[in-house]
C-alpha atoms as a PDB file:
ATOM      1  CA  MET A   1      54.293-173.972  90.774  1.00  0.00           C
ATOM      2  CA  SER A   2      56.510-171.650  92.813  1.00  0.00           C
ATOM      3  CA  VAL A   3      56.421-167.911  92.260  1.00  0.00           C
ATOM      4  CA  GLU A   4      59.385-165.655  92.881  1.00  0.00           C
ATOM      5  CA  PRO A   5      58.748-161.899  92.472  1.00  0.00           C
ATOM      6  CA  SER A   6      61.556-159.832  91.054  1.00  0.00           C
ATOM      7  CA  GLN A   7      63.460-157.804  93.619  1.00  0.00           C
ATOM      8  CA  ASN A   8      63.154-154.813  91.290  1.00  0.00           C
ATOM      9  CA  SER A   9      59.362-154.849  91.047  1.00  0.00           C
ATOM     10  CA  THR A  10      57.739-151.419  90.901  1.00  0.00           C
ATOM     11  CA  SER A  11      54.178-150.172  91.127  1.00  0.00           C
ATOM     12  CA  SER A  12      54.296-149.295  87.411  1.00  0.00           C
ATOM     13  CA  GLY A  13      55.497-152.684  86.216  1.00  0.00           C
ATOM     14  CA  ALA A  14      57.599-155.680  87.182  1.00  0.00           C
ATOM     15  CA  VAL A  15      59.818-158.420  85.846  1.00  0.00           C
ATOM     16  CA  ARG A  16      58.671-161.630  87.512  1.00  0.00           C
ATOM     17  CA  THR A  17      59.948-165.191  87.566  1.00  0.00           C
ATOM     18  CA  GLU A  18      57.953-168.364  88.063  1.00  0.00           C
ATOM     19  CA  ILE A  19      59.129-171.967  88.161  1.00  0.00           C
ATOM     20  CA  ASP A  20      56.863-174.761  86.971  1.00  0.00           C
ATOM     21  CA  ASP A  21      58.643-178.126  87.162  1.00  0.00           C
ATOM     22  CA  SER A  22      61.589-177.828  84.726  1.00  0.00           C
ATOM     23  CA  VAL A  23      60.371-174.594  83.108  1.00  0.00           C
ATOM     24  CA  GLY A  24      61.447-171.177  84.307  1.00  0.00           C
ATOM     25  CA  TRP A  25      59.143-168.355  83.265  1.00  0.00           C
ATOM     26  CA  LEU A  26      60.488-164.827  82.784  1.00  0.00           C
ATOM     27  CA  ILE A  27      57.445-162.554  82.714  1.00  0.00           C
ATOM     28  CA  ILE A  28      57.373-158.913  81.627  1.00  0.00           C
ATOM     29  CA  ASP A  29      54.446-157.580  83.627  1.00  0.00           C
ATOM     30  CA  ASN A  30      53.067-154.158  82.750  1.00  0.00           C
ATOM     31  CA  PRO A  31      49.788-154.989  80.961  1.00  0.00           C
ATOM     32  CA  LEU A  32      48.251-151.518  81.268  1.00  0.00           C
ATOM     33  CA  LYS A  33      51.020-150.345  78.911  1.00  0.00           C
ATOM     34  CA  ARG A  34      51.083-153.481  76.746  1.00  0.00           C
ATOM     35  CA  ASN A  35      54.015-154.698  78.834  1.00  0.00           C
ATOM     36  CA  ALA A  36      56.244-151.777  77.900  1.00  0.00           C
ATOM     37  CA  LEU A  37      59.448-151.801  79.937  1.00  0.00           C
ATOM     38  CA  THR A  38      60.273-149.001  82.335  1.00  0.00           C
ATOM     39  CA  LEU A  39      63.929-148.286  83.072  1.00  0.00           C
ATOM     40  CA  ALA A  40      63.589-150.143  86.383  1.00  0.00           C
ATOM     41  CA  MET A  41      62.189-153.152  84.536  1.00  0.00           C
ATOM     42  CA  TRP A  42      65.085-153.151  82.052  1.00  0.00           C
ATOM     43  CA  GLU A  43      67.460-153.105  85.020  1.00  0.00           C
ATOM     44  CA  ALA A  44      65.647-156.066  86.592  1.00  0.00           C
ATOM     45  CA  VAL A  45      66.014-158.412  83.615  1.00  0.00           C
ATOM     46  CA  PRO A  46      69.616-159.601  84.191  1.00  0.00           C
ATOM     47  CA  ASP A  47      68.991-160.516  87.838  1.00  0.00           C
ATOM     48  CA  ALA A  48      65.793-162.347  86.925  1.00  0.00           C
ATOM     49  CA  VAL A  49      67.582-164.356  84.231  1.00  0.00           C
ATOM     50  CA  ALA A  50      70.419-165.126  86.659  1.00  0.00           C
ATOM     51  CA  ARG A  51      67.982-166.467  89.270  1.00  0.00           C
ATOM     52  CA  LEU A  52      66.416-168.862  86.786  1.00  0.00           C
ATOM     53  CA  GLU A  53      69.794-169.887  85.414  1.00  0.00           C
ATOM     54  CA  ALA A  54      71.031-170.663  88.937  1.00  0.00           C
ATOM     55  CA  THR A  55      68.003-172.860  89.731  1.00  0.00           C
ATOM     56  CA  ALA A  56      69.098-176.434  89.074  1.00  0.00           C
ATOM     57  CA  ALA A  57      65.556-177.690  88.438  1.00  0.00           C
ATOM     58  CA  VAL A  58      65.062-175.255  85.542  1.00  0.00           C
ATOM     59  CA  ARG A  59      65.966-176.778  82.178  1.00  0.00           C
ATOM     60  CA  VAL A  60      64.326-174.244  79.830  1.00  0.00           C
ATOM     61  CA  ILE A  61      63.532-170.537  80.253  1.00  0.00           C
ATOM     62  CA  ILE A  62      60.486-169.036  78.537  1.00  0.00           C
ATOM     63  CA  LEU A  63      60.080-165.288  78.093  1.00  0.00           C
ATOM     64  CA  ARG A  64      56.524-163.964  77.823  1.00  0.00           C
ATOM     65  CA  GLY A  65      54.439-160.895  78.483  1.00  0.00           C
ATOM     66  CA  ALA A  66      51.776-160.792  81.182  1.00  0.00           C
ATOM     67  CA  GLY A  67      48.240-161.320  79.952  1.00  0.00           C
ATOM     68  CA  ALA A  68      47.117-162.506  76.535  1.00  0.00           C
ATOM     69  CA  LYS A  69      47.230-159.300  74.482  1.00  0.00           C
ATOM     70  CA  SER A  70      50.888-158.280  74.255  1.00  0.00           C
ATOM     71  CA  PHE A  71      54.380-159.735  74.423  1.00  0.00           C
ATOM     72  CA  VAL A  72      56.400-156.549  74.981  1.00  0.00           C
ATOM     73  CA  ALA A  73      55.486-153.273  73.276  1.00  0.00           C
ATOM     74  CA  GLY A  74      59.014-151.902  73.665  1.00  0.00           C
ATOM     75  CA  ALA A  75      60.299-149.336  76.119  1.00  0.00           C
ATOM     76  CA  ASP A  76      58.045-147.016  78.117  1.00  0.00           C
ATOM     77  CA  ILE A  77      58.239-143.893  75.950  1.00  0.00           C
ATOM     78  CA  SER A  78      56.708-141.736  78.690  1.00  0.00           C
ATOM     79  CA  GLU A  79      60.060-141.935  80.500  1.00  0.00           C
ATOM     80  CA  PHE A  80      62.190-140.761  77.570  1.00  0.00           C
ATOM     81  CA  GLU A  81      62.082-137.082  78.556  1.00  0.00           C
ATOM     82  CA  GLN A  82      64.106-138.037  81.622  1.00  0.00           C
ATOM     83  CA  THR A  83      65.947-141.194  80.574  1.00  0.00           C
ATOM     84  CA  ARG A  84      67.028-140.380  76.999  1.00  0.00           C
ATOM     85  CA  ALA A  85      66.885-136.593  76.798  1.00  0.00           C
ATOM     86  CA  THR A  86      70.582-136.238  75.855  1.00  0.00           C
ATOM     87  CA  SER A  87      73.153-138.412  74.119  1.00  0.00           C
ATOM     88  CA  ASP A  88      74.883-139.045  77.451  1.00  0.00           C
ATOM     89  CA  LYS A  89      71.654-140.243  79.061  1.00  0.00           C
ATOM     90  CA  ALA A  90      70.823-142.253  75.962  1.00  0.00           C
ATOM     91  CA  LYS A  91      74.179-144.024  76.199  1.00  0.00           C
ATOM     92  CA  VAL A  92      73.480-145.024  79.813  1.00  0.00           C
ATOM     93  CA  TYR A  93      70.002-146.214  78.803  1.00  0.00           C
ATOM     94  CA  GLU A  94      71.386-148.242  75.895  1.00  0.00           C
ATOM     95  CA  ASP A  95      73.952-149.888  78.163  1.00  0.00           C
ATOM     96  CA  ILE A  96      71.090-151.023  80.400  1.00  0.00           C
ATOM     97  CA  ASN A  97      69.202-152.351  77.344  1.00  0.00           C
ATOM     98  CA  VAL A  98      72.251-154.235  76.145  1.00  0.00           C
ATOM     99  CA  ALA A  99      72.805-155.770  79.590  1.00  0.00           C
ATOM    100  CA  ALA A 100      69.266-157.208  79.385  1.00  0.00           C
ATOM    101  CA  PHE A 101      69.856-158.568  75.872  1.00  0.00           C
ATOM    102  CA  ARG A 102      73.182-160.118  76.873  1.00  0.00           C
ATOM    103  CA  ALA A 103      71.714-161.747  79.955  1.00  0.00           C
ATOM    104  CA  LEU A 104      69.439-163.771  77.690  1.00  0.00           C
ATOM    105  CA  LYS A 105      72.025-164.403  74.981  1.00  0.00           C
ATOM    106  CA  ASN A 106      74.679-165.532  77.458  1.00  0.00           C
ATOM    107  CA  CYS A 107      72.337-167.698  79.514  1.00  0.00           C
ATOM    108  CA  GLU A 108      73.584-171.283  79.332  1.00  0.00           C
ATOM    109  CA  LYS A 109      70.070-172.712  79.382  1.00  0.00           C
ATOM    110  CA  PRO A 110      67.820-172.727  76.290  1.00  0.00           C
ATOM    111  CA  THR A 111      65.510-169.726  76.031  1.00  0.00           C
ATOM    112  CA  ILE A 112      62.245-169.391  74.123  1.00  0.00           C
ATOM    113  CA  ALA A 113      60.265-166.228  73.408  1.00  0.00           C
ATOM    114  CA  MET A 114      56.518-166.910  73.580  1.00  0.00           C
ATOM    115  CA  ILE A 115      54.987-164.123  71.514  1.00  0.00           C
ATOM    116  CA  ARG A 116      51.399-162.892  71.436  1.00  0.00           C
ATOM    117  CA  GLY A 117      50.300-159.477  70.224  1.00  0.00           C
ATOM    118  CA  HIS A 118      52.760-156.584  70.217  1.00  0.00           C
ATOM    119  CA  CYS A 119      56.458-157.388  69.866  1.00  0.00           C
ATOM    120  CA  LEU A 120      57.946-153.980  69.166  1.00  0.00           C
ATOM    121  CA  GLY A 121      61.204-152.081  69.585  1.00  0.00           C
ATOM    122  CA  GLY A 122      63.043-153.271  72.660  1.00  0.00           C
ATOM    123  CA  GLY A 123      60.546-156.108  72.961  1.00  0.00           C
ATOM    124  CA  LEU A 124      61.711-157.416  69.613  1.00  0.00           C
ATOM    125  CA  GLY A 125      65.269-157.014  70.870  1.00  0.00           C
ATOM    126  CA  LEU A 126      64.482-159.248  73.854  1.00  0.00           C
ATOM    127  CA  ALA A 127      62.814-161.824  71.616  1.00  0.00           C
ATOM    128  CA  LEU A 128      65.824-161.892  69.294  1.00  0.00           C
ATOM    129  CA  ALA A 129      68.100-162.423  72.288  1.00  0.00           C
ATOM    130  CA  CYS A 130      66.304-165.726  72.921  1.00  0.00           C
ATOM    131  CA  ASP A 131      67.334-168.958  71.220  1.00  0.00           C
ATOM    132  CA  LEU A 132      63.917-169.600  69.677  1.00  0.00           C
ATOM    133  CA  ARG A 133      60.884-167.445  68.915  1.00  0.00           C
ATOM    134  CA  VAL A 134      57.415-168.930  68.615  1.00  0.00           C
ATOM    135  CA  ALA A 135      54.453-166.658  67.892  1.00  0.00           C
ATOM    136  CA  ASP A 136      50.723-166.995  67.470  1.00  0.00           C
ATOM    137  CA  PRO A 137      48.779-165.476  64.554  1.00  0.00           C
ATOM    138  CA  THR A 138      48.003-162.298  66.545  1.00  0.00           C
ATOM    139  CA  ALA A 139      51.660-161.293  66.881  1.00  0.00           C
ATOM    140  CA  VAL A 140      52.827-158.017  65.330  1.00  0.00           C
ATOM    141  CA  PHE A 141      56.486-157.056  64.948  1.00  0.00           C
ATOM    142  CA  GLY A 142      58.190-153.743  64.292  1.00  0.00           C
ATOM    143  CA  ILE A 143      60.888-151.234  65.193  1.00  0.00           C
ATOM    144  CA  PRO A 144      59.384-147.722  65.617  1.00  0.00           C
ATOM    145  CA  ALA A 145      62.726-145.981  66.275  1.00  0.00           C
ATOM    146  CA  ALA A 146      62.617-144.028  62.987  1.00  0.00           C
ATOM    147  CA  ARG A 147      59.263-142.510  63.971  1.00  0.00           C
ATOM    148  CA  LEU A 148      60.619-141.442  67.344  1.00  0.00           C
ATOM    149  CA  GLY A 149      63.891-139.948  66.184  1.00  0.00           C
ATOM    150  CA  ILE A 150      65.997-142.306  68.276  1.00  0.00           C
ATOM    151  CA  ALA A 151      68.660-144.831  67.308  1.00  0.00           C
ATOM    152  CA  TYR A 152      68.041-148.542  67.769  1.00  0.00           C
ATOM    153  CA  PRO A 153      70.818-150.206  69.831  1.00  0.00           C
ATOM    154  CA  VAL A 154      73.701-151.305  67.640  1.00  0.00           C
ATOM    155  CA  GLU A 155      73.941-154.687  69.371  1.00  0.00           C
ATOM    156  CA  ALA A 156      70.234-155.286  68.785  1.00  0.00           C
ATOM    157  CA  ILE A 157      70.725-154.546  65.079  1.00  0.00           C
ATOM    158  CA  ALA A 158      73.461-157.194  65.023  1.00  0.00           C
ATOM    159  CA  ASP A 159      70.946-159.650  66.472  1.00  0.00           C
ATOM    160  CA  ILE A 160      68.432-158.760  63.747  1.00  0.00           C
ATOM    161  CA  LEU A 161      71.068-159.457  61.102  1.00  0.00           C
ATOM    162  CA  GLN A 162      71.628-162.926  62.557  1.00  0.00           C
ATOM    163  CA  ALA A 163      67.947-163.664  61.977  1.00  0.00           C
ATOM    164  CA  VAL A 164      67.013-161.958  58.693  1.00  0.00           C
ATOM    165  CA  PRO A 165      68.739-160.876  55.458  1.00  0.00           C
ATOM    166  CA  PRO A 166      70.210-157.333  55.413  1.00  0.00           C
ATOM    167  CA  ALA A 167      67.483-156.001  53.112  1.00  0.00           C
ATOM    168  CA  ALA A 168      64.763-157.233  55.458  1.00  0.00           C
ATOM    169  CA  ALA A 169      66.551-155.667  58.430  1.00  0.00           C
ATOM    170  CA  LYS A 170      66.830-152.359  56.591  1.00  0.00           C
ATOM    171  CA  ARG A 171      63.164-152.425  55.707  1.00  0.00           C
ATOM    172  CA  LEU A 172      62.184-152.906  59.345  1.00  0.00           C
ATOM    173  CA  LEU A 173      64.532-150.130  60.468  1.00  0.00           C
ATOM    174  CA  PHE A 174      63.925-147.644  57.626  1.00  0.00           C
ATOM    175  CA  THR A 175      60.129-147.886  57.320  1.00  0.00           C
ATOM    176  CA  ALA A 176      59.180-148.512  60.976  1.00  0.00           C
ATOM    177  CA  GLU A 177      56.347-150.576  59.504  1.00  0.00           C
ATOM    178  CA  ARG A 178      54.800-153.458  61.383  1.00  0.00           C
ATOM    179  CA  VAL A 179      54.655-156.999  60.017  1.00  0.00           C
ATOM    180  CA  GLY A 180      52.439-159.882  61.031  1.00  0.00           C
ATOM    181  CA  SER A 181      53.377-163.401  62.026  1.00  0.00           C
ATOM    182  CA  ALA A 182      53.283-164.844  58.517  1.00  0.00           C
ATOM    183  CA  GLU A 183      55.698-162.234  57.145  1.00  0.00           C
ATOM    184  CA  ALA A 184      57.910-162.474  60.226  1.00  0.00           C
ATOM    185  CA  LEU A 185      58.168-166.222  59.661  1.00  0.00           C
ATOM    186  CA  ARG A 186      58.884-165.778  55.949  1.00  0.00           C
ATOM    187  CA  ILE A 187      61.851-163.459  56.527  1.00  0.00           C
ATOM    188  CA  GLY A 188      63.215-165.480  59.455  1.00  0.00           C
ATOM    189  CA  LEU A 189      62.393-163.090  62.294  1.00  0.00           C
ATOM    190  CA  ILE A 190      60.621-165.909  64.139  1.00  0.00           C
ATOM    191  CA  ASP A 191      60.998-169.678  63.991  1.00  0.00           C
ATOM    192  CA  GLU A 192      57.411-170.841  64.107  1.00  0.00           C
ATOM    193  CA  VAL A 193      53.778-169.703  64.096  1.00  0.00           C
ATOM    194  CA  SER A 194      51.399-171.784  66.172  1.00  0.00           C
ATOM    195  CA  ALA A 195      47.850-172.590  65.184  1.00  0.00           C
ATOM    196  CA  GLU A 196      45.266-170.120  66.441  1.00  0.00           C
ATOM    197  CA  GLY A 197      44.697-170.620  70.162  1.00  0.00           C
ATOM    198  CA  ALA A 198      47.423-173.251  70.373  1.00  0.00           C
ATOM    199  CA  LEU A 199      50.480-171.207  71.384  1.00  0.00           C
ATOM    200  CA  ALA A 200      50.523-172.330  75.030  1.00  0.00           C
ATOM    201  CA  GLU A 201      50.249-175.993  74.054  1.00  0.00           C
ATOM    202  CA  ARG A 202      53.014-175.653  71.451  1.00  0.00           C
ATOM    203  CA  ILE A 203      55.333-173.915  73.911  1.00  0.00           C
ATOM    204  CA  GLU A 204      54.616-176.561  76.543  1.00  0.00           C
ATOM    205  CA  ASN A 205      55.441-179.357  74.096  1.00  0.00           C
ATOM    206  CA  LEU A 206      58.614-177.649  72.909  1.00  0.00           C
ATOM    207  CA  ALA A 207      59.795-177.003  76.465  1.00  0.00           C
ATOM    208  CA  GLU A 208      59.038-180.598  77.446  1.00  0.00           C
ATOM    209  CA  THR A 209      61.040-181.931  74.505  1.00  0.00           C
ATOM    210  CA  MET A 210      64.026-179.684  75.144  1.00  0.00           C
ATOM    211  CA  GLY A 211      63.845-180.139  78.903  1.00  0.00           C
ATOM    212  CA  GLY A 212      63.933-183.908  78.533  1.00  0.00           C
ATOM    213  CA  ASN A 213      67.214-183.834  76.614  1.00  0.00           C
ATOM    214  CA  ALA A 214      70.675-183.879  78.180  1.00  0.00           C
ATOM    215  CA  PRO A 215      71.397-180.457  79.757  1.00  0.00           C
ATOM    216  CA  LEU A 216      75.157-180.685  79.207  1.00  0.00           C
ATOM    217  CA  THR A 217      74.624-181.443  75.519  1.00  0.00           C
ATOM    218  CA  LEU A 218      72.315-178.457  75.107  1.00  0.00           C
ATOM    219  CA  ARG A 219      74.786-176.236  76.955  1.00  0.00           C
ATOM    220  CA  ALA A 220      77.669-177.387  74.755  1.00  0.00           C
ATOM    221  CA  ALA A 221      75.651-176.862  71.583  1.00  0.00           C
ATOM    222  CA  LYS A 222      74.560-173.378  72.625  1.00  0.00           C
ATOM    223  CA  ARG A 223      78.103-172.410  73.547  1.00  0.00           C
ATOM    224  CA  ALA A 224      79.432-173.636  70.190  1.00  0.00           C
ATOM    225  CA  VAL A 225      76.743-171.809  68.180  1.00  0.00           C
ATOM    226  CA  SER A 226      77.360-168.595  70.122  1.00  0.00           C
ATOM    227  CA  ALA A 227      81.115-168.858  69.608  1.00  0.00           C
ATOM    228  CA  PHE A 228      80.749-169.232  65.842  1.00  0.00           C
ATOM    229  CA  LEU A 229      78.100-166.508  65.450  1.00  0.00           C
ATOM    230  CA  SER A 230      80.120-164.006  67.447  1.00  0.00           C
ATOM    231  CA  GLY A 231      83.306-164.760  65.551  1.00  0.00           C
ATOM    232  CA  GLY A 232      84.747-165.910  68.838  1.00  0.00           C
ATOM    233  CA  GLY A 233      88.471-165.989  69.383  1.00  0.00           C
ATOM    234  CA  ALA A 234      90.591-168.858  70.595  1.00  0.00           C
ATOM    235  CA  ALA A 235      89.358-168.590  74.181  1.00  0.00           C
ATOM    236  CA  GLU A 236      85.683-168.894  73.200  1.00  0.00           C
ATOM    237  CA  MET A 237      86.351-171.783  70.840  1.00  0.00           C
ATOM    238  CA  ASP A 238      88.393-173.568  73.489  1.00  0.00           C
ATOM    239  CA  ALA A 239      85.571-173.109  76.010  1.00  0.00           C
ATOM    240  CA  ALA A 240      83.118-174.590  73.500  1.00  0.00           C
ATOM    241  CA  ARG A 241      85.397-177.595  72.979  1.00  0.00           C
ATOM    242  CA  VAL A 242      85.759-178.111  76.740  1.00  0.00           C
ATOM    243  CA  ALA A 243      81.966-178.035  77.105  1.00  0.00           C
ATOM    244  CA  ALA A 244      81.659-180.642  74.351  1.00  0.00           C
ATOM    245  CA  GLU A 245      84.330-182.868  75.915  1.00  0.00           C
ATOM    246  CA  ARG A 246      82.552-182.717  79.259  1.00  0.00           C
ATOM    247  CA  CYS A 247      79.550-184.465  77.728  1.00  0.00           C
ATOM    248  CA  PHE A 248      81.598-187.606  77.076  1.00  0.00           C
ATOM    249  CA  ASP A 249      82.739-187.794  80.700  1.00  0.00           C
ATOM    250  CA  SER A 250      79.248-187.269  82.084  1.00  0.00           C
ATOM    251  CA  GLU A 251      76.877-189.644  83.817  1.00  0.00           C
ATOM    252  CA  ASP A 252      74.238-188.463  81.381  1.00  0.00           C
ATOM    253  CA  PHE A 253      76.188-189.982  78.479  1.00  0.00           C
ATOM    254  CA  LYS A 254      76.159-193.334  80.263  1.00  0.00           C
ATOM    255  CA  GLU A 255      72.440-192.901  80.972  1.00  0.00           C
ATOM    256  CA  GLY A 256      71.810-192.102  77.317  1.00  0.00           C
ATOM    257  CA  ARG A 257      73.671-195.235  76.169  1.00  0.00           C
ATOM    258  CA  ASP A 258      71.940-197.438  78.714  1.00  0.00           C
ATOM    259  CA  ALA A 259      68.506-196.071  77.874  1.00  0.00           C
ATOM    260  CA  PHE A 260      69.080-196.637  74.153  1.00  0.00           C
ATOM    261  CA  LEU A 261      70.161-200.243  74.663  1.00  0.00           C
ATOM    262  CA  GLN A 262      67.332-200.906  77.130  1.00  0.00           C
ATOM    263  CA  LYS A 263      64.800-199.272  74.812  1.00  0.00           C
ATOM    264  CA  ARG A 264      63.519-196.812  77.414  1.00  0.00           C
ATOM    265  CA  SER A 265      63.405-193.050  77.791  1.00  0.00           C
ATOM    266  CA  PRO A 266      66.518-191.590  79.437  1.00  0.00           C
ATOM    267  CA  THR A 267      66.417-189.632  82.670  1.00  0.00           C
ATOM    268  CA  PHE A 268      69.100-186.982  82.464  1.00  0.00           C
ATOM    269  CA  ARG A 269      70.396-185.129  85.522  1.00  0.00           C
ATOM    270  CA  GLY A 270      72.873-182.691  84.017  1.00  0.00           C
ATOM    271  CA  ILE A 271      75.911-184.378  85.564  1.00  0.00           C
END
């Protein structure tokens, strides 16, 4: 395993990256505050995602919180007196939040949120920016904005609405209540709940399965899904079609055909 500290690490928290074979880990590391994100940590997310995306060996990116007790408990509220004290400051802060969400959503590699414990506020926003969300039975989800008197980012609300029905989204936003893993799964907020104590094994298996598939195919599929969900215009749809066409001209397509006929597992290289 190689470890690459974030360039924006601070004494009060850090966003770290680690690479383990074909898996890139994006780690929110502030366990004394349940991995709440400081402003500096929010700012560090896009660069950390970009580093993993640019690493050819990485096939899948997994987002997790440091330690075993919390995914991400949202933003560090102790900073709000300085960072969100006025609407102008709040707009700057939201832009930084949105940049972090978009870095994950626009990443061409598959992303998985590995969720234990608290997944609240901006932490839920980060999870929803990932392609898949897998939680263990200890996970708790919620949006406390209504109890703080702040507005949840509009773009993050759009992401919620892509996962759950409008009534479920309104309930989360209007009540600020927390829901457990079973309810989160029922309404579509997450994709899967692991067995107790089995989250790491499930994530490992899922990453291995996805990482063993053809990278260009996954990239084309993700681009097409994103284009449709965003109501993409002609340029986005054309880019999705080009990505799909590239698969048929790739060496991986030949490898896939050969492996099928030879009754062996394919070895894809992303070319």
